[in-house]
Amino acid sequence: MKPIYIASFHQSRFGKLMGMTVPQILDSAIQGACRQIAVEPGALDVGSVGAACNFSLNEQGLLAGLMANTPGLAGKPIEAVENACASGGQAVLSVIQKLLLGMGETGIAVGYEKMRDAEGKMDGELIGKVLGYFSDPGERDGKTFVFPHIFAEVMQEYMQTYGVTERDLAAIAVQEYANAKFNPCAQMSKGQITIDQALNIEGMNRYVIEGLPLKTYDCSQITDGYAALILATEEGLARLGVPKSECVEIAGWGQATDPIRREGRDVLRPIGANRAMQTAYRMAGATPADVNIAEVHDCFTVMGALGTEVIGKAEPGKGARYWVEGEAAPGGECAINTSGGLIAKGHPIGATGIAMIGWSALQLLGKAPAELQVKNPRAAATFNIGGPICASVCTVLRAAE
C-alpha cells in the first residue's frame, strides 16, 4: 500500500462555537487546514466529514454537500460518515481508503459537533436523549441519561472486578485537567482540580446516577468544536509542496465493531477494540513498547483506564494504576492524553477522533506546547470509540522518514 501522510492539522478551540452555523463550521475547518500549508481547497482530491448529532441537534443532513460549498471542492468525491463517537476516526479512514483506491492523492477529513445554541447554552435533557440513540434500544429503559448510566455500570464492574478505587480513577481526571492548562484549544484550560475535589461530593461534583460510582469529574465535556486533517500520498505531498520531513505517517490503522448491546459481552476486555489496535500495530510493524505518546477515548475516567490497557500499556485491570504511578504524565513512560483528553480538552463528538490523531502528530513533530511536549517522541497510538465500547478506530503514527 502507498504510505499515507498527515500534511496539515487544524482545530478550533473546543467549548462553544456560539452563533457559527454548520456551513460556516465546515468551511472554517477546511480553510483552516489549507492555510496551515498555504494551499487552496481546490488542491484536495477527496474528502470525508464525520458528525453524530447533525440531524438531531442541527437539523442538517447531506454534510458532504455543505463541504462542496467551499470553493474548489465541488464535483469531487466527498462523503459523510457516522460511527457515533468514533465518527472522526471513521472520517480519517474514509479518506485513507479513497487515496488507496486511487481516487486521488490528497484529501481532507473533517469532523465537528455543535451541541450548544448560539448563546453557548446546552439543553442537557435533549442531549442526553440524543446521545442515547447510539445505544441498543433494549438497554435504554429506566435510564434518563443513557450513556453516563451505561458507563457508570462499566465503572462499577471495573472497580469490583479489579479492586480499583474511585480515587484511582479520579487520578486520571486530575492529570488531564493539569495537561489541559497548557493546551490553548482545551475547553477546560482555565479549570484545575485536585484529587480531593474530584472525589468529594460538593459543589458541582455529584454522583451522576444514584447508587453508582460515576461522578461529575469522571465525565467528559459537552462541547462544540471542529477539526480537520489533510492527508496525502507521497505524490500528493509533492503536489502540495509539503516536505515529507515535516509530516507524520499514519503507519497503521484498524477498525472493528462489537455488538452495540452491552449485556452478554466482556466490555472490560473488548474484543473489537483490542482487535483494531492489534491490527494497527501489525500494519505499522510496531509494538506497544515502541509507543511513548497516546491519545485514548476517555469519555469517562474508566475508559481512560481501559484505553491504557487496549493500547498495550497496562495489563487488564492495571490501567488506572498506570496513571496513579505517573506513567501517563507528559514525562512518564507513555504520555497519554497530553491534550487534556475528552475530560478536559472537550468532546465535540465528530471532531474527537480527528483531534486525537492531529494532537499526536504535533507531539511527534515536536510542536506541542513546551510544558506538554514529550522528549524524544518515537511513535503514537490513538484509540477512538463509539457507543458502549462498540465501534473502535485505532491508529499508529510515526514521524515520516
Protein backbone atom coordinates (compact mmCIF):
# COMPACT_ATOMS: atom_id res chain seq x y z
CA MET A 1 0.00 0.00 0.00
CA LYS A 2 1.06 3.57 -0.58
CA PRO A 3 2.18 5.30 2.62
CA ILE A 4 -0.29 7.92 3.86
CA TYR A 5 0.92 11.12 5.48
CA ILE A 6 -0.61 13.90 7.56
CA ALA A 7 0.21 17.13 5.74
CA SER A 8 -1.82 19.52 7.90
CA PHE A 9 -3.88 19.65 11.10
CA HIS A 10 -6.24 22.38 12.23
CA GLN A 11 -8.79 22.58 15.01
CA SER A 12 -10.96 25.16 16.71
CA ARG A 13 -10.79 25.92 20.37
CA PHE A 14 -13.12 23.38 21.96
CA GLY A 15 -16.02 24.62 24.05
CA LYS A 16 -18.54 26.97 22.45
CA LEU A 17 -18.91 27.97 18.81
CA MET A 18 -21.71 30.37 19.68
CA GLY A 19 -23.52 31.60 16.55
CA MET A 20 -21.46 29.71 13.95
CA THR A 21 -23.69 27.78 11.56
CA VAL A 22 -22.88 24.30 10.29
CA PRO A 23 -21.88 25.60 6.82
CA GLN A 24 -19.56 28.13 8.48
CA ILE A 25 -18.08 25.44 10.73
CA LEU A 26 -17.25 23.10 7.85
CA ASP A 27 -15.81 25.87 5.69
CA SER A 28 -13.70 27.16 8.60
CA ALA A 29 -12.31 23.67 9.20
CA ILE A 30 -11.38 23.21 5.54
CA GLN A 31 -9.93 26.68 5.06
CA GLY A 32 -8.01 26.47 8.34
CA ALA A 33 -6.31 23.21 7.38
CA CYS A 34 -5.45 24.60 3.95
CA ARG A 35 -3.96 27.80 5.39
CA GLN A 36 -1.57 25.73 7.51
CA ILE A 37 0.25 24.65 4.36
CA ALA A 38 -0.68 27.59 2.09
CA VAL A 39 -2.81 25.69 -0.42
CA GLU A 40 -6.29 26.28 -1.81
CA PRO A 41 -9.10 23.78 -1.16
CA GLY A 42 -9.07 23.01 -4.88
CA ALA A 43 -5.78 21.18 -4.33
CA LEU A 44 -7.69 18.47 -2.45
CA ASP A 45 -8.95 15.49 -4.44
CA VAL A 46 -11.30 13.78 -1.97
CA GLY A 47 -12.95 14.38 1.37
CA SER A 48 -14.98 12.96 4.21
CA VAL A 49 -16.86 14.50 7.11
CA GLY A 50 -17.83 12.91 10.42
CA ALA A 51 -20.56 14.02 12.81
CA ALA A 52 -23.04 12.29 15.09
CA CYS A 53 -25.73 14.79 16.08
CA ASN A 54 -26.13 16.75 12.85
CA PHE A 55 -29.69 15.53 12.26
CA SER A 56 -30.92 15.56 15.84
CA LEU A 57 -29.30 18.76 17.15
CA ASN A 58 -28.54 20.75 13.98
CA GLU A 59 -31.41 19.61 11.69
CA GLN A 60 -28.86 19.18 8.91
CA GLY A 61 -28.12 16.28 6.61
CA LEU A 62 -26.00 15.90 3.47
CA LEU A 63 -22.89 17.29 5.13
CA ALA A 64 -20.85 16.28 2.10
CA GLY A 65 -22.83 18.79 0.08
CA LEU A 66 -22.01 21.51 2.58
CA MET A 67 -18.31 20.68 2.22
CA ALA A 68 -18.71 21.03 -1.54
CA ASN A 69 -19.86 24.63 -0.95
CA THR A 70 -16.23 25.50 -0.21
CA PRO A 71 -14.78 26.85 -3.48
CA GLY A 72 -12.67 24.21 -5.20
CA LEU A 73 -14.40 21.15 -3.73
CA ALA A 74 -17.48 20.97 -5.94
CA GLY A 75 -17.76 17.84 -8.06
CA LYS A 76 -15.25 15.84 -6.01
CA PRO A 77 -15.73 12.52 -4.15
CA ILE A 78 -16.88 13.54 -0.66
CA GLU A 79 -18.91 11.51 1.81
CA ALA A 80 -20.36 11.86 5.28
CA VAL A 81 -19.81 9.11 7.85
CA GLU A 82 -21.40 8.42 11.23
CA ASN A 83 -19.98 5.98 13.73
CA ALA A 84 -21.17 7.54 16.99
CA CYS A 85 -18.23 9.00 18.93
CA ALA A 86 -15.82 7.28 16.52
CA SER A 87 -17.16 9.33 13.59
CA GLY A 88 -14.00 11.44 13.39
CA GLY A 89 -11.71 8.43 13.25
CA GLN A 90 -14.01 6.88 10.67
CA ALA A 91 -13.74 10.01 8.51
CA VAL A 92 -9.96 9.67 8.55
CA LEU A 93 -10.22 6.02 7.46
CA SER A 94 -12.66 7.05 4.73
CA VAL A 95 -10.11 9.44 3.24
CA ILE A 96 -7.29 6.89 3.56
CA GLN A 97 -9.39 4.31 1.72
CA LYS A 98 -10.16 6.77 -1.09
CA LEU A 99 -6.48 7.53 -1.53
CA LEU A 100 -5.54 3.86 -1.56
CA LEU A 101 -8.27 3.15 -4.11
CA GLY A 102 -6.63 5.64 -6.45
CA MET A 103 -9.43 8.20 -6.29
CA GLY A 104 -6.86 10.92 -5.61
CA GLU A 105 -3.53 11.74 -4.00
CA THR A 106 -4.74 14.35 -1.49
CA GLY A 107 -7.77 14.51 0.77
CA ILE A 108 -9.30 16.13 3.82
CA ALA A 109 -11.05 14.59 6.81
CA VAL A 110 -13.29 16.97 8.75
CA GLY A 111 -15.18 16.35 11.98
CA TYR A 112 -17.41 18.61 14.00
CA GLU A 113 -20.15 18.79 16.58
CA LYS A 114 -22.39 21.72 17.52
CA MET A 115 -24.07 20.78 20.80
CA ARG A 116 -24.83 24.23 22.22
CA ASP A 117 -27.04 27.07 21.00
CA ALA A 118 -25.96 30.47 19.68
CA GLU A 119 -25.66 31.76 23.25
CA GLY A 120 -23.47 28.85 24.31
CA LYS A 121 -26.19 27.18 26.35
CA MET A 122 -26.97 23.47 26.24
CA ASP A 123 -30.17 21.51 26.74
CA GLY A 124 -28.86 18.70 28.93
CA GLU A 125 -32.02 16.63 28.80
CA LEU A 126 -32.19 16.82 25.00
CA ILE A 127 -28.50 15.99 24.60
CA GLY A 128 -28.90 13.03 26.95
CA LYS A 129 -31.79 11.76 24.85
CA VAL A 130 -29.95 12.28 21.56
CA LEU A 131 -26.79 10.52 22.72
CA GLY A 132 -28.96 7.67 23.90
CA TYR A 133 -29.81 6.95 20.26
CA PHE A 134 -26.33 5.41 19.95
CA SER A 135 -27.17 2.59 22.36
CA ASP A 136 -29.16 -0.61 21.96
CA PRO A 137 -32.89 0.17 22.27
CA GLY A 138 -33.28 -2.62 24.80
CA GLU A 139 -30.78 -1.03 27.18
CA ARG A 140 -32.37 2.43 27.45
CA ASP A 141 -35.33 1.71 29.70
CA GLY A 142 -35.08 3.39 33.08
CA LYS A 143 -32.08 5.49 32.07
CA THR A 144 -32.63 9.26 31.83
CA PHE A 145 -29.03 9.86 30.74
CA VAL A 146 -28.28 6.68 28.86
CA PHE A 147 -24.53 6.82 28.31
CA PRO A 148 -23.49 8.10 31.74
CA HIS A 149 -25.68 5.33 33.15
CA ILE A 150 -24.12 2.62 30.97
CA PHE A 151 -20.58 3.75 31.72
CA ALA A 152 -21.37 4.13 35.42
CA GLU A 153 -22.21 0.41 35.30
CA VAL A 154 -18.96 -0.27 33.44
CA MET A 155 -17.07 1.75 36.06
CA GLN A 156 -18.66 -0.23 38.88
CA GLU A 157 -17.86 -3.52 37.14
CA TYR A 158 -14.25 -2.45 36.58
CA MET A 159 -13.83 -1.44 40.22
CA GLN A 160 -15.39 -4.61 41.60
CA THR A 161 -13.56 -6.94 39.20
CA TYR A 162 -10.09 -5.49 39.72
CA GLY A 163 -10.25 -3.90 43.17
CA VAL A 164 -9.83 -0.40 41.74
CA THR A 165 -11.00 2.58 43.81
CA GLU A 166 -12.75 5.83 42.95
CA ARG A 167 -9.53 7.60 43.95
CA ASP A 168 -7.54 5.57 41.42
CA LEU A 169 -9.87 6.59 38.59
CA ALA A 170 -10.05 10.20 39.78
CA ALA A 171 -6.29 10.44 39.24
CA ILE A 172 -6.96 10.25 35.51
CA ALA A 173 -9.17 13.34 35.56
CA VAL A 174 -6.71 15.26 37.75
CA GLN A 175 -3.82 14.60 35.34
CA GLU A 176 -5.90 15.56 32.33
CA TYR A 177 -7.00 18.86 33.83
CA ALA A 178 -3.33 19.53 34.59
CA ASN A 179 -2.48 18.86 30.94
CA ALA A 180 -5.34 20.99 29.59
CA LYS A 181 -3.94 24.03 31.41
CA PHE A 182 -1.25 24.24 28.73
CA ASN A 183 -3.40 23.39 25.69
CA PRO A 184 -4.82 26.66 24.32
CA CYS A 185 -7.53 24.75 22.44
CA ALA A 186 -8.80 22.85 25.50
CA GLN A 187 -12.25 23.58 26.86
CA MET A 188 -11.11 23.37 30.48
CA SER A 189 -7.74 25.12 30.13
CA LYS A 190 -8.70 27.55 32.90
CA GLY A 191 -10.01 24.95 35.33
CA GLN A 192 -7.79 22.89 37.62
CA ILE A 193 -8.84 20.23 40.11
CA THR A 194 -7.23 18.38 42.98
CA ILE A 195 -7.76 14.74 43.85
CA ASP A 196 -9.95 15.79 46.78
CA GLN A 197 -12.12 17.97 44.56
CA ALA A 198 -12.52 15.08 42.13
CA LEU A 199 -13.63 12.79 44.97
CA ASN A 200 -15.66 14.96 47.32
CA ILE A 201 -19.38 15.25 46.68
CA GLU A 202 -19.83 19.00 46.90
CA GLY A 203 -20.48 21.93 44.60
CA MET A 204 -20.76 20.79 41.01
CA ASN A 205 -19.30 17.36 41.76
CA ARG A 206 -22.04 14.81 42.41
CA TYR A 207 -22.87 11.19 41.72
CA VAL A 208 -24.47 11.21 38.29
CA ILE A 209 -26.53 8.03 38.78
CA GLU A 210 -27.83 7.14 42.21
CA GLY A 211 -26.14 4.07 43.60
CA LEU A 212 -23.32 4.04 41.04
CA PRO A 213 -19.77 5.49 41.43
CA LEU A 214 -19.64 7.84 38.41
CA LYS A 215 -19.20 11.49 39.42
CA THR A 216 -19.24 14.76 37.50
CA TYR A 217 -15.45 14.95 37.29
CA ASP A 218 -15.35 11.41 35.86
CA CYS A 219 -17.21 12.66 32.77
CA SER A 220 -16.15 14.28 29.52
CA GLN A 221 -17.49 17.66 28.44
CA ILE A 222 -20.45 18.74 26.31
CA THR A 223 -18.56 20.51 23.59
CA ASP A 224 -18.75 22.45 20.34
CA GLY A 225 -15.75 22.18 18.08
CA TYR A 226 -14.26 21.15 14.76
CA ALA A 227 -11.04 19.61 13.48
CA ALA A 228 -9.55 18.74 10.10
CA LEU A 229 -6.62 16.74 8.74
CA ILE A 230 -5.19 16.96 5.23
CA LEU A 231 -3.86 13.55 4.19
CA ALA A 232 -1.71 12.77 1.19
CA THR A 233 0.31 10.11 -0.56
CA GLU A 234 3.96 10.83 -1.32
CA GLU A 235 2.90 12.11 -4.74
CA GLY A 236 0.25 14.21 -3.06
CA LEU A 237 2.79 15.82 -0.73
CA ALA A 238 4.87 16.83 -3.73
CA ARG A 239 1.81 18.41 -5.34
CA LEU A 240 1.01 20.29 -2.15
CA GLY A 241 4.61 21.44 -1.78
CA VAL A 242 4.92 19.92 1.70
CA PRO A 243 8.27 18.27 2.53
CA LYS A 244 7.88 14.73 3.82
CA SER A 245 10.27 15.62 6.65
CA GLU A 246 7.56 17.94 8.04
CA CYS A 247 4.91 15.22 8.07
CA VAL A 248 3.71 12.31 10.15
CA GLU A 249 2.91 8.93 8.61
CA ILE A 250 -0.26 7.07 9.53
CA ALA A 251 1.71 3.85 9.64
CA GLY A 252 -1.10 1.58 10.78
CA TRP A 253 -4.81 1.61 11.37
CA GLY A 254 -7.57 -0.74 12.40
CA GLN A 255 -11.34 -0.63 12.71
CA ALA A 256 -13.71 -3.09 14.35
CA THR A 257 -17.24 -3.15 15.67
CA ASP A 258 -18.63 -5.16 18.55
CA PRO A 259 -22.36 -5.68 19.16
CA ILE A 260 -23.96 -2.46 20.39
CA ARG A 261 -25.68 -4.34 23.20
CA ARG A 262 -23.52 -4.29 26.33
CA GLU A 263 -25.20 -7.21 28.05
CA GLY A 264 -23.67 -10.57 27.25
CA ARG A 265 -20.18 -9.42 26.31
CA ASP A 266 -17.00 -8.65 28.22
CA VAL A 267 -16.68 -4.88 27.98
CA LEU A 268 -13.65 -4.96 30.28
CA ARG A 269 -11.78 -6.91 27.58
CA PRO A 270 -13.44 -5.53 24.43
CA ILE A 271 -12.74 -7.88 21.55
CA GLY A 272 -13.24 -5.35 18.75
CA ALA A 273 -11.16 -2.63 20.38
CA ASN A 274 -8.26 -4.99 21.02
CA ARG A 275 -8.50 -6.42 17.51
CA ALA A 276 -8.48 -2.95 15.91
CA MET A 277 -5.48 -1.88 17.97
CA GLN A 278 -3.52 -5.04 17.20
CA THR A 279 -4.33 -4.63 13.50
CA ALA A 280 -2.89 -1.11 13.61
CA TYR A 281 0.26 -2.30 15.38
CA ARG A 282 0.80 -5.13 12.90
CA MET A 283 0.34 -2.84 9.91
CA ALA A 284 2.83 -0.38 11.36
CA GLY A 285 5.31 -3.11 12.24
CA ALA A 286 5.26 -1.76 15.79
CA THR A 287 4.58 -2.93 19.33
CA PRO A 288 3.26 -1.11 22.41
CA ALA A 289 6.86 -0.79 23.61
CA ASP A 290 7.61 1.45 20.62
CA VAL A 291 4.90 3.93 21.60
CA ASN A 292 5.56 6.79 24.03
CA ILE A 293 2.65 9.04 23.02
CA ALA A 294 -1.05 8.14 23.02
CA GLU A 295 -4.50 9.69 22.87
CA VAL A 296 -7.26 7.43 24.15
CA HIS A 297 -11.01 7.92 24.24
CA ASP A 298 -11.69 8.82 27.87
CA CYS A 299 -15.36 9.74 27.61
CA PHE A 300 -15.37 8.68 31.27
CA THR A 301 -12.40 8.00 33.55
CA VAL A 302 -12.95 4.26 33.39
CA MET A 303 -12.32 4.48 29.64
CA GLY A 304 -9.03 6.25 30.32
CA ALA A 305 -8.06 3.14 32.28
CA LEU A 306 -9.45 0.69 29.73
CA GLY A 307 -7.90 2.65 26.86
CA THR A 308 -4.49 2.38 28.52
CA GLU A 309 -4.98 -1.37 28.51
CA VAL A 310 -6.20 -1.52 24.90
CA ILE A 311 -3.10 0.28 23.60
CA GLY A 312 -0.99 -2.28 25.45
CA LYS A 313 0.48 -0.10 28.18
CA ALA A 314 -1.10 -2.00 31.05
CA GLU A 315 -2.46 -5.45 31.76
CA PRO A 316 -6.24 -5.80 32.24
CA GLY A 317 -7.21 -4.10 35.48
CA LYS A 318 -3.91 -2.19 35.74
CA GLY A 319 -4.79 0.80 33.54
CA ALA A 320 -5.79 3.12 36.37
CA ARG A 321 -2.65 2.19 38.32
CA TYR A 322 -0.56 3.31 35.31
CA TRP A 323 -1.97 6.82 35.79
CA VAL A 324 -1.68 6.78 39.58
CA GLU A 325 2.02 5.95 39.28
CA GLY A 326 2.63 8.86 36.89
CA GLU A 327 3.46 6.73 33.88
CA ALA A 328 0.80 8.51 31.74
CA ALA A 329 2.06 12.01 32.60
CA PRO A 330 3.94 14.06 29.97
CA GLY A 331 7.22 12.84 31.44
CA GLY A 332 6.06 9.27 32.05
CA GLU A 333 6.74 6.02 30.22
CA CYS A 334 3.98 6.83 27.70
CA ALA A 335 2.39 10.28 27.77
CA ILE A 336 -1.35 9.67 27.42
CA ASN A 337 -3.88 12.40 26.64
CA THR A 338 -1.44 15.27 26.97
CA SER A 339 -4.09 17.26 25.10
CA GLY A 340 -6.30 17.06 28.18
CA GLY A 341 -8.33 14.18 26.82
CA LEU A 342 -12.07 14.26 26.37
CA ILE A 343 -12.47 15.01 30.07
CA ALA A 344 -10.60 18.33 29.99
CA LYS A 345 -9.87 19.10 26.32
CA GLY A 346 -13.53 18.51 25.45
CA HIS A 347 -15.54 16.06 23.38
CA PRO A 348 -17.13 17.52 20.22
CA ILE A 349 -18.14 14.06 19.09
CA GLY A 350 -17.44 14.16 15.36
CA ALA A 351 -14.20 16.08 15.83
CA THR A 352 -12.78 13.95 18.62
CA GLY A 353 -11.10 11.18 16.61
CA ILE A 354 -9.53 13.69 14.22
CA ALA A 355 -8.25 15.86 17.06
CA MET A 356 -6.70 12.83 18.76
CA ILE A 357 -4.70 11.99 15.64
CA GLY A 358 -3.81 15.62 14.98
CA TRP A 359 -2.54 16.24 18.51
CA SER A 360 -0.45 13.07 18.35
CA ALA A 361 1.06 14.35 15.11
CA LEU A 362 2.00 17.62 16.80
CA GLN A 363 3.76 15.64 19.53
CA LEU A 364 5.70 13.57 17.01
CA LEU A 365 6.78 16.74 15.18
CA GLY A 366 7.87 18.44 18.40
CA LYS A 367 5.19 21.10 18.02
CA ALA A 368 3.15 20.51 21.18
CA PRO A 369 3.21 23.23 23.87
CA ALA A 370 6.55 23.12 25.67
CA GLU A 371 5.04 22.08 29.00
CA LEU A 372 3.41 19.06 27.35
CA GLN A 373 5.96 18.13 24.69
CA VAL A 374 7.27 14.59 25.01
CA LYS A 375 11.04 14.31 24.87
CA ASN A 376 12.36 12.03 22.14
CA PRO A 377 8.95 11.08 20.68
CA ARG A 378 9.06 7.70 18.95
CA ALA A 379 5.60 6.62 17.88
CA ALA A 380 2.00 7.37 18.86
CA ALA A 381 -1.15 5.29 19.26
CA THR A 382 -4.74 6.54 19.17
CA PHE A 383 -7.90 4.76 20.28
CA ASN A 384 -11.28 6.31 19.34
CA ILE A 385 -14.54 4.58 20.31
CA GLY A 386 -18.22 4.96 19.62
CA GLY A 387 -21.14 3.71 21.65
CA PRO A 388 -20.85 1.39 24.67
CA ILE A 389 -17.30 0.31 23.71
CA CYS A 390 -18.80 -0.79 20.40
CA ALA A 391 -17.14 0.92 17.40
CA SER A 392 -13.35 1.25 17.55
CA VAL A 393 -10.92 3.11 15.29
CA CYS A 394 -7.22 2.83 16.14
CA THR A 395 -4.07 4.24 14.55
CA VAL A 396 -0.31 4.09 14.96
CA LEU A 397 1.66 7.15 13.86
CA ARG A 398 5.32 7.92 13.41
CA ALA A 399 7.33 10.82 12.03
CA ALA A 400 7.96 10.43 8.31
CA GLU A 401 11.41 9.25 7.31
